[in-house]
Amino acid sequence: MKITVAGIKKEVADGLTVAQLVIDEKVETPEYVTVTVNDDFVDHGQFEETVLKDGDTVEFLYFMGGGQ
């Protein structure tokens, strides 16, 4: 199936979960990543159960603190 990951179209296996995609994409600090699928936030506890579908768009987001 085809999905878009961080703006890049990719061919991936059917039944791919968000958790496996995080591993496959070698996401740095996966414990701190926020994932959206089709602009909907996926709870970190749901990564294992969230199965991606053909045509999905996935983004990895990192929130950084800072300022004064």
Protein backbone atom coordinates (compact mmCIF):
# COMPACT_ATOMS: atom_id res chain seq x y z
CA MET A 1 0.00 0.00 0.00
CA LYS A 2 1.08 3.60 -0.41
CA ILE A 3 1.27 6.17 2.37
CA THR A 4 2.89 9.58 2.72
CA VAL A 5 5.44 9.98 5.51
CA ALA A 6 6.76 13.46 6.24
CA GLY A 7 5.78 14.55 2.74
CA ILE A 8 7.38 11.56 0.97
CA LYS A 9 5.26 8.90 -0.71
CA LYS A 10 6.30 5.39 0.31
CA GLU A 11 5.30 1.83 -0.45
CA VAL A 12 4.80 -0.12 2.80
CA ALA A 13 3.41 -3.50 3.84
CA ASP A 14 -0.30 -3.94 4.49
CA GLY A 15 -1.12 -4.03 8.19
CA LEU A 16 1.71 -1.68 9.17
CA THR A 17 1.19 -0.10 12.59
CA VAL A 18 2.31 3.33 13.72
CA ALA A 19 4.67 1.63 16.19
CA GLN A 20 6.37 -0.36 13.42
CA LEU A 21 6.58 2.72 11.19
CA VAL A 22 8.36 4.61 13.98
CA ILE A 23 10.92 1.78 14.07
CA ASP A 24 11.19 1.48 10.28
CA GLU A 25 11.73 5.23 9.89
CA LYS A 26 14.41 5.20 12.60
CA VAL A 27 12.69 8.03 14.46
CA GLU A 28 15.06 9.65 16.95
CA THR A 29 13.82 9.69 20.54
CA PRO A 30 10.62 7.75 19.75
CA GLU A 31 9.47 8.13 23.35
CA TYR A 32 9.06 11.87 22.71
CA VAL A 33 7.60 11.85 19.20
CA THR A 34 4.04 12.90 18.51
CA VAL A 35 2.41 11.27 15.48
CA THR A 36 -0.46 12.46 13.34
CA VAL A 37 -2.30 10.33 10.83
CA ASN A 38 -4.37 12.38 8.40
CA ASP A 39 -3.98 15.39 10.75
CA ASP A 40 -5.42 13.46 13.73
CA PHE A 41 -3.15 12.99 16.74
CA VAL A 42 -2.47 9.38 17.74
CA ASP A 43 -2.07 8.78 21.47
CA HIS A 44 1.33 7.28 22.26
CA GLY A 45 -0.43 4.34 23.94
CA GLN A 46 -2.27 3.59 20.69
CA PHE A 47 0.79 3.25 18.41
CA GLU A 48 0.70 -0.57 18.58
CA GLU A 49 -3.02 -0.77 17.75
CA THR A 50 -3.20 1.94 15.08
CA VAL A 51 -3.02 0.22 11.70
CA LEU A 52 -2.27 2.44 8.74
CA LYS A 53 -4.40 2.34 5.60
CA ASP A 54 -3.66 2.97 1.95
CA GLY A 55 -3.48 6.70 1.28
CA ASP A 56 -2.80 7.75 4.88
CA THR A 57 -0.57 10.74 5.57
CA VAL A 58 1.73 10.43 8.59
CA GLU A 59 3.75 13.19 10.23
CA PHE A 60 6.23 12.99 13.11
CA LEU A 61 6.22 16.04 15.37
CA TYR A 62 8.55 17.10 18.15
CA PHE A 63 7.55 19.77 20.63
CA MET A 64 10.40 21.71 22.13
CA GLY A 65 10.33 23.90 25.17
CA GLY A 66 12.30 27.04 25.47
CA GLY A 67 12.07 30.73 25.81
CA GLN A 68 12.46 32.89 28.84
